[in-house]
Amino acid sequence: MNLKTATEIGKCLSNQTRVQIMEWLKDPEKHFPPHETLKHFNDGVCVTYIQEKAGLSQSTISTYLTNMEKCGILISTRYGKWSYLKRNEDTIKAYINFIS
């Protein structure tokens, strides 16, 4: 991890809702229902469920999640019209090590 990447992650985490999303995704079974098609969380949580739980507009959540994915703390998987997101634990661990 380099300083630029760590700074971008810090920016992504400088918002209460984005930190809350990361917390929810740490234990998705506790915070979200499984998607009706997949029935598991191996590929993450459906973006629609994240948006509904956050209670923010689709455009705001889309911007948040896109930025979080760009800085590497989320991984996106797409099935048809559905997008699923999960935490990128490798990047999160590297960030924690860097700032330690």
PDB file of N, CA and C in Angstrom:
ATOM      1  N   MET A   1       0.854  -1.175   0.000  1.00  0.00           N
ATOM      2  CA  MET A   1       0.000   0.000   0.000  1.00  0.00           C
ATOM      3  C   MET A   1       0.897   1.234   0.000  1.00  0.00           C
ATOM      4  N   ASN A   2       0.513   2.217  -0.790  1.00  0.00           N
ATOM      5  CA  ASN A   2       1.273   3.463  -0.813  1.00  0.00           C
ATOM      6  C   ASN A   2       0.439   4.598  -0.221  1.00  0.00           C
ATOM      7  N   LEU A   3       1.075   5.730  -0.031  1.00  0.00           N
ATOM      8  CA  LEU A   3       0.427   6.870   0.606  1.00  0.00           C
ATOM      9  C   LEU A   3      -0.794   7.342  -0.178  1.00  0.00           C
ATOM     10  N   LYS A   4      -0.689   7.368  -1.500  1.00  0.00           N
ATOM     11  CA  LYS A   4      -1.808   7.832  -2.326  1.00  0.00           C
ATOM     12  C   LYS A   4      -3.032   6.939  -2.145  1.00  0.00           C
ATOM     13  N   THR A   5      -2.840   5.634  -2.189  1.00  0.00           N
ATOM     14  CA  THR A   5      -3.949   4.695  -2.015  1.00  0.00           C
ATOM     15  C   THR A   5      -4.550   4.814  -0.617  1.00  0.00           C
ATOM     16  N   ALA A   6      -3.687   4.905   0.395  1.00  0.00           N
ATOM     17  CA  ALA A   6      -4.165   5.045   1.774  1.00  0.00           C
ATOM     18  C   ALA A   6      -4.973   6.326   1.943  1.00  0.00           C
ATOM     19  N   THR A   7      -4.542   7.389   1.304  1.00  0.00           N
ATOM     20  CA  THR A   7      -5.262   8.658   1.381  1.00  0.00           C
ATOM     21  C   THR A   7      -6.631   8.542   0.724  1.00  0.00           C
ATOM     22  N   GLU A   8      -6.706   7.878  -0.416  1.00  0.00           N
ATOM     23  CA  GLU A   8      -7.990   7.688  -1.103  1.00  0.00           C
ATOM     24  C   GLU A   8      -8.946   6.855  -0.247  1.00  0.00           C
ATOM     25  N   ILE A   9      -8.424   5.822   0.396  1.00  0.00           N
ATOM     26  CA  ILE A   9      -9.263   5.007   1.279  1.00  0.00           C
ATOM     27  C   ILE A   9      -9.745   5.854   2.446  1.00  0.00           C
ATOM     28  N   GLY A  10      -8.861   6.648   3.008  1.00  0.00           N
ATOM     29  CA  GLY A  10      -9.246   7.543   4.094  1.00  0.00           C
ATOM     30  C   GLY A  10     -10.373   8.475   3.690  1.00  0.00           C
ATOM     31  N   LYS A  11     -10.307   8.996   2.480  1.00  0.00           N
ATOM     32  CA  LYS A  11     -11.373   9.861   1.973  1.00  0.00           C
ATOM     33  C   LYS A  11     -12.689   9.089   1.867  1.00  0.00           C
ATOM     34  N   CYS A  12     -12.605   7.852   1.377  1.00  0.00           N
ATOM     35  CA  CYS A  12     -13.812   7.026   1.252  1.00  0.00           C
ATOM     36  C   CYS A  12     -14.451   6.762   2.612  1.00  0.00           C
ATOM     37  N   LEU A  13     -13.635   6.668   3.624  1.00  0.00           N
ATOM     38  CA  LEU A  13     -14.140   6.341   4.956  1.00  0.00           C
ATOM     39  C   LEU A  13     -14.434   7.584   5.801  1.00  0.00           C
ATOM     40  N   SER A  14     -14.418   8.753   5.166  1.00  0.00           N
ATOM     41  CA  SER A  14     -14.630   9.994   5.908  1.00  0.00           C
ATOM     42  C   SER A  14     -16.107  10.376   5.994  1.00  0.00           C
ATOM     43  N   ASN A  15     -16.971   9.410   5.809  1.00  0.00           N
ATOM     44  CA  ASN A  15     -18.406   9.653   5.819  1.00  0.00           C
ATOM     45  C   ASN A  15     -19.066   8.559   6.651  1.00  0.00           C
ATOM     46  N   GLN A  16     -19.945   8.947   7.553  1.00  0.00           N
ATOM     47  CA  GLN A  16     -20.569   8.000   8.469  1.00  0.00           C
ATOM     48  C   GLN A  16     -21.328   6.885   7.741  1.00  0.00           C
ATOM     49  N   THR A  17     -22.041   7.226   6.696  1.00  0.00           N
ATOM     50  CA  THR A  17     -22.804   6.211   5.962  1.00  0.00           C
ATOM     51  C   THR A  17     -21.877   5.200   5.305  1.00  0.00           C
ATOM     52  N   ARG A  18     -20.773   5.654   4.737  1.00  0.00           N
ATOM     53  CA  ARG A  18     -19.843   4.725   4.085  1.00  0.00           C
ATOM     54  C   ARG A  18     -19.192   3.798   5.107  1.00  0.00           C
ATOM     55  N   VAL A  19     -18.862   4.318   6.274  1.00  0.00           N
ATOM     56  CA  VAL A  19     -18.314   3.457   7.333  1.00  0.00           C
ATOM     57  C   VAL A  19     -19.375   2.454   7.777  1.00  0.00           C
ATOM     58  N   GLN A  20     -20.607   2.914   7.878  1.00  0.00           N
ATOM     59  CA  GLN A  20     -21.697   2.028   8.263  1.00  0.00           C
ATOM     60  C   GLN A  20     -21.888   0.913   7.231  1.00  0.00           C
ATOM     61  N   ILE A  21     -21.794   1.238   5.957  1.00  0.00           N
ATOM     62  CA  ILE A  21     -21.899   0.229   4.904  1.00  0.00           C
ATOM     63  C   ILE A  21     -20.807  -0.831   5.085  1.00  0.00           C
ATOM     64  N   MET A  22     -19.594  -0.385   5.368  1.00  0.00           N
ATOM     65  CA  MET A  22     -18.499  -1.333   5.587  1.00  0.00           C
ATOM     66  C   MET A  22     -18.794  -2.229   6.794  1.00  0.00           C
ATOM     67  N   GLU A  23     -19.379  -1.650   7.818  1.00  0.00           N
ATOM     68  CA  GLU A  23     -19.746  -2.428   9.003  1.00  0.00           C
ATOM     69  C   GLU A  23     -20.822  -3.460   8.652  1.00  0.00           C
ATOM     70  N   TRP A  24     -21.845  -3.035   7.923  1.00  0.00           N
ATOM     71  CA  TRP A  24     -22.901  -3.964   7.519  1.00  0.00           C
ATOM     72  C   TRP A  24     -22.345  -5.109   6.686  1.00  0.00           C
ATOM     73  N   LEU A  25     -21.445  -4.784   5.754  1.00  0.00           N
ATOM     74  CA  LEU A  25     -20.899  -5.805   4.855  1.00  0.00           C
ATOM     75  C   LEU A  25     -19.932  -6.751   5.558  1.00  0.00           C
ATOM     76  N   LYS A  26     -19.470  -6.377   6.736  1.00  0.00           N
ATOM     77  CA  LYS A  26     -18.590  -7.270   7.492  1.00  0.00           C
ATOM     78  C   LYS A  26     -19.361  -8.511   7.938  1.00  0.00           C
ATOM     79  N   ASP A  27     -20.641  -8.353   8.218  1.00  0.00           N
ATOM     80  CA  ASP A  27     -21.487  -9.453   8.652  1.00  0.00           C
ATOM     81  C   ASP A  27     -22.825  -9.376   7.906  1.00  0.00           C
ATOM     82  N   PRO A  28     -22.828  -9.663   6.602  1.00  0.00           N
ATOM     83  CA  PRO A  28     -24.026  -9.418   5.788  1.00  0.00           C
ATOM     84  C   PRO A  28     -25.244 -10.231   6.225  1.00  0.00           C
ATOM     85  N   GLU A  29     -25.029 -11.448   6.733  1.00  0.00           N
ATOM     86  CA  GLU A  29     -26.153 -12.278   7.149  1.00  0.00           C
ATOM     87  C   GLU A  29     -26.961 -11.616   8.267  1.00  0.00           C
ATOM     88  N   LYS A  30     -26.282 -10.823   9.074  1.00  0.00           N
ATOM     89  CA  LYS A  30     -26.917 -10.145  10.200  1.00  0.00           C
ATOM     90  C   LYS A  30     -27.715  -8.911   9.752  1.00  0.00           C
ATOM     91  N   HIS A  31     -27.325  -8.300   8.644  1.00  0.00           N
ATOM     92  CA  HIS A  31     -27.892  -7.019   8.245  1.00  0.00           C
ATOM     93  C   HIS A  31     -28.767  -7.043   6.994  1.00  0.00           C
ATOM     94  N   PHE A  32     -28.682  -8.103   6.195  1.00  0.00           N
ATOM     95  CA  PHE A  32     -29.403  -8.137   4.920  1.00  0.00           C
ATOM     96  C   PHE A  32     -30.028  -9.507   4.689  1.00  0.00           C
ATOM     97  N   PRO A  33     -31.128  -9.537   3.922  1.00  0.00           N
ATOM     98  CA  PRO A  33     -31.654 -10.834   3.491  1.00  0.00           C
ATOM     99  C   PRO A  33     -30.840 -11.323   2.292  1.00  0.00           C
ATOM    100  N   PRO A  34     -30.725 -12.630   2.099  1.00  0.00           N
ATOM    101  CA  PRO A  34     -30.053 -13.090   0.872  1.00  0.00           C
ATOM    102  C   PRO A  34     -30.910 -12.729  -0.340  1.00  0.00           C
ATOM    103  N   HIS A  35     -30.252 -12.451  -1.445  1.00  0.00           N
ATOM    104  CA  HIS A  35     -30.990 -12.104  -2.665  1.00  0.00           C
ATOM    105  C   HIS A  35     -31.805 -13.300  -3.106  1.00  0.00           C
ATOM    106  N   GLU A  36     -33.009 -13.042  -3.594  1.00  0.00           N
ATOM    107  CA  GLU A  36     -33.929 -14.118  -3.966  1.00  0.00           C
ATOM    108  C   GLU A  36     -33.373 -15.058  -5.029  1.00  0.00           C
ATOM    109  N   THR A  37     -32.479 -14.571  -5.878  1.00  0.00           N
ATOM    110  CA  THR A  37     -31.913 -15.414  -6.931  1.00  0.00           C
ATOM    111  C   THR A  37     -30.731 -16.238  -6.428  1.00  0.00           C
ATOM    112  N   LEU A  38     -29.774 -15.604  -5.743  1.00  0.00           N
ATOM    113  CA  LEU A  38     -28.549 -16.297  -5.333  1.00  0.00           C
ATOM    114  C   LEU A  38     -28.718 -17.091  -4.047  1.00  0.00           C
ATOM    115  N   LYS A  39     -29.449 -16.556  -3.098  1.00  0.00           N
ATOM    116  CA  LYS A  39     -29.698 -17.202  -1.807  1.00  0.00           C
ATOM    117  C   LYS A  39     -28.447 -17.382  -0.950  1.00  0.00           C
ATOM    118  N   HIS A  40     -27.396 -16.606  -1.209  1.00  0.00           N
ATOM    119  CA  HIS A  40     -26.168 -16.660  -0.404  1.00  0.00           C
ATOM    120  C   HIS A  40     -25.464 -15.310  -0.494  1.00  0.00           C
ATOM    121  N   PHE A  41     -24.378 -15.178   0.277  1.00  0.00           N
ATOM    122  CA  PHE A  41     -23.626 -13.921   0.298  1.00  0.00           C
ATOM    123  C   PHE A  41     -22.202 -14.088  -0.227  1.00  0.00           C
ATOM    124  N   ASN A  42     -21.915 -15.176  -0.921  1.00  0.00           N
ATOM    125  CA  ASN A  42     -20.554 -15.423  -1.414  1.00  0.00           C
ATOM    126  C   ASN A  42     -20.049 -14.286  -2.297  1.00  0.00           C
ATOM    127  N   ASP A  43     -20.935 -13.685  -3.062  1.00  0.00           N
ATOM    128  CA  ASP A  43     -20.543 -12.598  -3.956  1.00  0.00           C
ATOM    129  C   ASP A  43     -20.945 -11.240  -3.414  1.00  0.00           C
ATOM    130  N   GLY A  44     -21.422 -11.201  -2.178  1.00  0.00           N
ATOM    131  CA  GLY A  44     -21.768  -9.939  -1.546  1.00  0.00           C
ATOM    132  C   GLY A  44     -23.255  -9.724  -1.402  1.00  0.00           C
ATOM    133  N   VAL A  45     -23.597  -8.466  -1.229  1.00  0.00           N
ATOM    134  CA  VAL A  45     -24.969  -8.029  -0.989  1.00  0.00           C
ATOM    135  C   VAL A  45     -25.452  -7.243  -2.196  1.00  0.00           C
ATOM    136  N   CYS A  46     -26.694  -7.471  -2.570  1.00  0.00           N
ATOM    137  CA  CYS A  46     -27.297  -6.735  -3.684  1.00  0.00           C
ATOM    138  C   CYS A  46     -27.289  -5.233  -3.368  1.00  0.00           C
ATOM    139  N   VAL A  47     -26.874  -4.443  -4.333  1.00  0.00           N
ATOM    140  CA  VAL A  47     -26.782  -2.994  -4.163  1.00  0.00           C
ATOM    141  C   VAL A  47     -28.135  -2.400  -3.750  1.00  0.00           C
ATOM    142  N   THR A  48     -29.217  -2.948  -4.264  1.00  0.00           N
ATOM    143  CA  THR A  48     -30.549  -2.465  -3.907  1.00  0.00           C
ATOM    144  C   THR A  48     -30.783  -2.566  -2.410  1.00  0.00           C
ATOM    145  N   TYR A  49     -30.339  -3.655  -1.796  1.00  0.00           N
ATOM    146  CA  TYR A  49     -30.517  -3.838  -0.349  1.00  0.00           C
ATOM    147  C   TYR A  49     -29.688  -2.822   0.438  1.00  0.00           C
ATOM    148  N   ILE A  50     -28.493  -2.534  -0.046  1.00  0.00           N
ATOM    149  CA  ILE A  50     -27.643  -1.544   0.619  1.00  0.00           C
ATOM    150  C   ILE A  50     -28.317  -0.170   0.555  1.00  0.00           C
ATOM    151  N   GLN A  51     -28.831   0.176  -0.599  1.00  0.00           N
ATOM    152  CA  GLN A  51     -29.489   1.473  -0.784  1.00  0.00           C
ATOM    153  C   GLN A  51     -30.714   1.578   0.109  1.00  0.00           C
ATOM    154  N   GLU A  52     -31.512   0.525   0.184  1.00  0.00           N
ATOM    155  CA  GLU A  52     -32.717   0.558   1.019  1.00  0.00           C
ATOM    156  C   GLU A  52     -32.357   0.710   2.501  1.00  0.00           C
ATOM    157  N   LYS A  53     -31.354  -0.018   2.956  1.00  0.00           N
ATOM    158  CA  LYS A  53     -30.967   0.033   4.370  1.00  0.00           C
ATOM    159  C   LYS A  53     -30.380   1.400   4.722  1.00  0.00           C
ATOM    160  N   ALA A  54     -29.619   1.989   3.823  1.00  0.00           N
ATOM    161  CA  ALA A  54     -29.018   3.296   4.073  1.00  0.00           C
ATOM    162  C   ALA A  54     -30.063   4.410   4.077  1.00  0.00           C
ATOM    163  N   GLY A  55     -31.149   4.197   3.334  1.00  0.00           N
ATOM    164  CA  GLY A  55     -32.203   5.200   3.297  1.00  0.00           C
ATOM    165  C   GLY A  55     -31.842   6.446   2.517  1.00  0.00           C
ATOM    166  N   LEU A  56     -30.883   6.326   1.621  1.00  0.00           N
ATOM    167  CA  LEU A  56     -30.473   7.456   0.790  1.00  0.00           C
ATOM    168  C   LEU A  56     -30.906   7.210  -0.648  1.00  0.00           C
ATOM    169  N   SER A  57     -30.832   8.234  -1.463  1.00  0.00           N
ATOM    170  CA  SER A  57     -31.239   8.100  -2.863  1.00  0.00           C
ATOM    171  C   SER A  57     -30.322   7.124  -3.603  1.00  0.00           C
ATOM    172  N   GLN A  58     -30.848   6.582  -4.670  1.00  0.00           N
ATOM    173  CA  GLN A  58     -30.078   5.642  -5.490  1.00  0.00           C
ATOM    174  C   GLN A  58     -28.827   6.307  -6.032  1.00  0.00           C
ATOM    175  N   SER A  59     -28.931   7.560  -6.447  1.00  0.00           N
ATOM    176  CA  SER A  59     -27.763   8.237  -7.025  1.00  0.00           C
ATOM    177  C   SER A  59     -26.677   8.480  -5.972  1.00  0.00           C
ATOM    178  N   THR A  60     -27.068   8.818  -4.750  1.00  0.00           N
ATOM    179  CA  THR A  60     -26.092   9.039  -3.685  1.00  0.00           C
ATOM    180  C   THR A  60     -25.377   7.742  -3.337  1.00  0.00           C
ATOM    181  N   ILE A  61     -26.142   6.671  -3.148  1.00  0.00           N
ATOM    182  CA  ILE A  61     -25.535   5.373  -2.816  1.00  0.00           C
ATOM    183  C   ILE A  61     -24.658   4.896  -3.965  1.00  0.00           C
ATOM    184  N   SER A  62     -25.103   5.092  -5.186  1.00  0.00           N
ATOM    185  CA  SER A  62     -24.303   4.687  -6.343  1.00  0.00           C
ATOM    186  C   SER A  62     -22.959   5.397  -6.349  1.00  0.00           C
ATOM    187  N   THR A  63     -22.959   6.692  -6.068  1.00  0.00           N
ATOM    188  CA  THR A  63     -21.708   7.454  -6.002  1.00  0.00           C
ATOM    189  C   THR A  63     -20.819   6.939  -4.882  1.00  0.00           C
ATOM    190  N   TYR A  64     -21.400   6.736  -3.702  1.00  0.00           N
ATOM    191  CA  TYR A  64     -20.631   6.214  -2.565  1.00  0.00           C
ATOM    192  C   TYR A  64     -19.984   4.877  -2.910  1.00  0.00           C
ATOM    193  N   LEU A  65     -20.791   3.951  -3.422  1.00  0.00           N
ATOM    194  CA  LEU A  65     -20.296   2.599  -3.683  1.00  0.00           C
ATOM    195  C   LEU A  65     -19.273   2.575  -4.812  1.00  0.00           C
ATOM    196  N   THR A  66     -19.482   3.386  -5.836  1.00  0.00           N
ATOM    197  CA  THR A  66     -18.518   3.464  -6.935  1.00  0.00           C
ATOM    198  C   THR A  66     -17.175   3.957  -6.425  1.00  0.00           C
ATOM    199  N   ASN A  67     -17.186   4.998  -5.601  1.00  0.00           N
ATOM    200  CA  ASN A  67     -15.932   5.517  -5.048  1.00  0.00           C
ATOM    201  C   ASN A  67     -15.260   4.499  -4.141  1.00  0.00           C
ATOM    202  N   MET A  68     -16.031   3.778  -3.363  1.00  0.00           N
ATOM    203  CA  MET A  68     -15.477   2.756  -2.470  1.00  0.00           C
ATOM    204  C   MET A  68     -14.867   1.600  -3.273  1.00  0.00           C
ATOM    205  N   GLU A  69     -15.493   1.286  -4.386  1.00  0.00           N
ATOM    206  CA  GLU A  69     -14.945   0.247  -5.262  1.00  0.00           C
ATOM    207  C   GLU A  69     -13.667   0.741  -5.950  1.00  0.00           C
ATOM    208  N   LYS A  70     -13.655   1.980  -6.410  1.00  0.00           N
ATOM    209  CA  LYS A  70     -12.473   2.545  -7.072  1.00  0.00           C
ATOM    210  C   LYS A  70     -11.256   2.577  -6.150  1.00  0.00           C
ATOM    211  N   CYS A  71     -11.478   2.859  -4.867  1.00  0.00           N
ATOM    212  CA  CYS A  71     -10.331   2.903  -3.955  1.00  0.00           C
ATOM    213  C   CYS A  71      -9.962   1.508  -3.452  1.00  0.00           C
ATOM    214  N   GLY A  72     -10.728   0.495  -3.838  1.00  0.00           N
ATOM    215  CA  GLY A  72     -10.320  -0.884  -3.593  1.00  0.00           C
ATOM    216  C   GLY A  72     -10.868  -1.549  -2.344  1.00  0.00           C
ATOM    217  N   ILE A  73     -11.761  -0.875  -1.597  1.00  0.00           N
ATOM    218  CA  ILE A  73     -12.256  -1.500  -0.372  1.00  0.00           C
ATOM    219  C   ILE A  73     -13.514  -2.339  -0.597  1.00  0.00           C
ATOM    220  N   LEU A  74     -14.100  -2.252  -1.801  1.00  0.00           N
ATOM    221  CA  LEU A  74     -15.232  -3.093  -2.168  1.00  0.00           C
ATOM    222  C   LEU A  74     -14.944  -3.812  -3.474  1.00  0.00           C
ATOM    223  N   ILE A  75     -15.519  -4.994  -3.603  1.00  0.00           N
ATOM    224  CA  ILE A  75     -15.424  -5.786  -4.825  1.00  0.00           C
ATOM    225  C   ILE A  75     -16.837  -5.954  -5.371  1.00  0.00           C
ATOM    226  N   SER A  76     -17.006  -5.698  -6.655  1.00  0.00           N
ATOM    227  CA  SER A  76     -18.312  -5.793  -7.300  1.00  0.00           C
ATOM    228  C   SER A  76     -18.385  -7.040  -8.181  1.00  0.00           C
ATOM    229  N   THR A  77     -19.535  -7.705  -8.128  1.00  0.00           N
ATOM    230  CA  THR A  77     -19.824  -8.834  -9.007  1.00  0.00           C
ATOM    231  C   THR A  77     -21.199  -8.587  -9.599  1.00  0.00           C
ATOM    232  N   ARG A  78     -21.344  -8.845 -10.884  1.00  0.00           N
ATOM    233  CA  ARG A  78     -22.613  -8.581 -11.553  1.00  0.00           C
ATOM    234  C   ARG A  78     -23.191  -9.890 -12.090  1.00  0.00           C
ATOM    235  N   TYR A  79     -24.488 -10.075 -11.837  1.00  0.00           N
ATOM    236  CA  TYR A  79     -25.256 -11.188 -12.400  1.00  0.00           C
ATOM    237  C   TYR A  79     -26.476 -10.587 -13.076  1.00  0.00           C
ATOM    238  N   GLY A  80     -26.498 -10.612 -14.401  1.00  0.00           N
ATOM    239  CA  GLY A  80     -27.610 -10.018 -15.130  1.00  0.00           C
ATOM    240  C   GLY A  80     -27.732  -8.548 -14.790  1.00  0.00           C
ATOM    241  N   LYS A  81     -28.899  -8.141 -14.316  1.00  0.00           N
ATOM    242  CA  LYS A  81     -29.101  -6.730 -13.985  1.00  0.00           C
ATOM    243  C   LYS A  81     -28.750  -6.408 -12.544  1.00  0.00           C
ATOM    244  N   TRP A  82     -28.333  -7.388 -11.754  1.00  0.00           N
ATOM    245  CA  TRP A  82     -28.045  -7.192 -10.334  1.00  0.00           C
ATOM    246  C   TRP A  82     -26.548  -7.059 -10.073  1.00  0.00           C
ATOM    247  N   SER A  83     -26.184  -6.095  -9.249  1.00  0.00           N
ATOM    248  CA  SER A  83     -24.797  -5.931  -8.812  1.00  0.00           C
ATOM    249  C   SER A  83     -24.718  -6.256  -7.328  1.00  0.00           C
ATOM    250  N   TYR A  84     -23.653  -6.956  -6.964  1.00  0.00           N
ATOM    251  CA  TYR A  84     -23.426  -7.365  -5.584  1.00  0.00           C
ATOM    252  C   TYR A  84     -22.082  -6.821  -5.131  1.00  0.00           C
ATOM    253  N   LEU A  85     -22.018  -6.404  -3.881  1.00  0.00           N
ATOM    254  CA  LEU A  85     -20.779  -5.850  -3.358  1.00  0.00           C
ATOM    255  C   LEU A  85     -20.390  -6.556  -2.071  1.00  0.00           C
ATOM    256  N   LYS A  86     -19.081  -6.761  -1.937  1.00  0.00           N
ATOM    257  CA  LYS A  86     -18.541  -7.303  -0.688  1.00  0.00           C
ATOM    258  C   LYS A  86     -17.254  -6.567  -0.377  1.00  0.00           C
ATOM    259  N   ARG A  87     -16.834  -6.695   0.868  1.00  0.00           N
ATOM    260  CA  ARG A  87     -15.603  -6.039   1.318  1.00  0.00           C
ATOM    261  C   ARG A  87     -14.389  -6.731   0.693  1.00  0.00           C
ATOM    262  N   ASN A  88     -13.387  -5.928   0.367  1.00  0.00           N
ATOM    263  CA  ASN A  88     -12.114  -6.468  -0.100  1.00  0.00           C
ATOM    264  C   ASN A  88     -11.197  -6.556   1.123  1.00  0.00           C
ATOM    265  N   GLU A  89     -11.231  -7.692   1.773  1.00  0.00           N
ATOM    266  CA  GLU A  89     -10.519  -7.861   3.042  1.00  0.00           C
ATOM    267  C   GLU A  89      -9.005  -7.695   2.883  1.00  0.00           C
ATOM    268  N   ASP A  90      -8.453  -8.074   1.739  1.00  0.00           N
ATOM    269  CA  ASP A  90      -7.008  -7.912   1.525  1.00  0.00           C
ATOM    270  C   ASP A  90      -6.616  -6.439   1.548  1.00  0.00           C
ATOM    271  N   THR A  91      -7.379  -5.607   0.857  1.00  0.00           N
ATOM    272  CA  THR A  91      -7.087  -4.176   0.833  1.00  0.00           C
ATOM    273  C   THR A  91      -7.319  -3.551   2.207  1.00  0.00           C
ATOM    274  N   ILE A  92      -8.351  -3.982   2.890  1.00  0.00           N
ATOM    275  CA  ILE A  92      -8.634  -3.452   4.228  1.00  0.00           C
ATOM    276  C   ILE A  92      -7.477  -3.780   5.188  1.00  0.00           C
ATOM    277  N   LYS A  93      -6.990  -5.009   5.124  1.00  0.00           N
ATOM    278  CA  LYS A  93      -5.853  -5.394   5.980  1.00  0.00           C
ATOM    279  C   LYS A  93      -4.598  -4.601   5.631  1.00  0.00           C
ATOM    280  N   ALA A  94      -4.363  -4.402   4.335  1.00  0.00           N
ATOM    281  CA  ALA A  94      -3.194  -3.612   3.920  1.00  0.00           C
ATOM    282  C   ALA A  94      -3.311  -2.174   4.406  1.00  0.00           C
ATOM    283  N   TYR A  95      -4.514  -1.609   4.360  1.00  0.00           N
ATOM    284  CA  TYR A  95      -4.736  -0.244   4.854  1.00  0.00           C
ATOM    285  C   TYR A  95      -4.474  -0.163   6.347  1.00  0.00           C
ATOM    286  N   ILE A  96      -5.012  -1.111   7.094  1.00  0.00           N
ATOM    287  CA  ILE A  96      -4.804  -1.132   8.542  1.00  0.00           C
ATOM    288  C   ILE A  96      -3.313  -1.234   8.868  1.00  0.00           C
ATOM    289  N   ASN A  97      -2.609  -2.108   8.164  1.00  0.00           N
ATOM    290  CA  ASN A  97      -1.167  -2.245   8.375  1.00  0.00           C
ATOM    291  C   ASN A  97      -0.420  -0.959   8.037  1.00  0.00           C
ATOM    292  N   PHE A  98      -0.839  -0.306   6.964  1.00  0.00           N
ATOM    293  CA  PHE A  98      -0.183   0.924   6.534  1.00  0.00           C
ATOM    294  C   PHE A  98      -0.336   2.029   7.569  1.00  0.00           C
ATOM    295  N   ILE A  99      -1.552   2.192   8.088  1.00  0.00           N
ATOM    296  CA  ILE A  99      -1.751   3.290   9.028  1.00  0.00           C
ATOM    297  C   ILE A  99      -1.275   2.932  10.447  1.00  0.00           C
ATOM    298  N   SER A 100      -0.988   1.663  10.668  1.00  0.00           N
ATOM    299  CA  SER A 100      -0.420   1.271  11.979  1.00  0.00           C
ATOM    300  C   SER A 100       1.020   1.680  12.028  1.00  0.00           C
TER     301      SER A 100
END
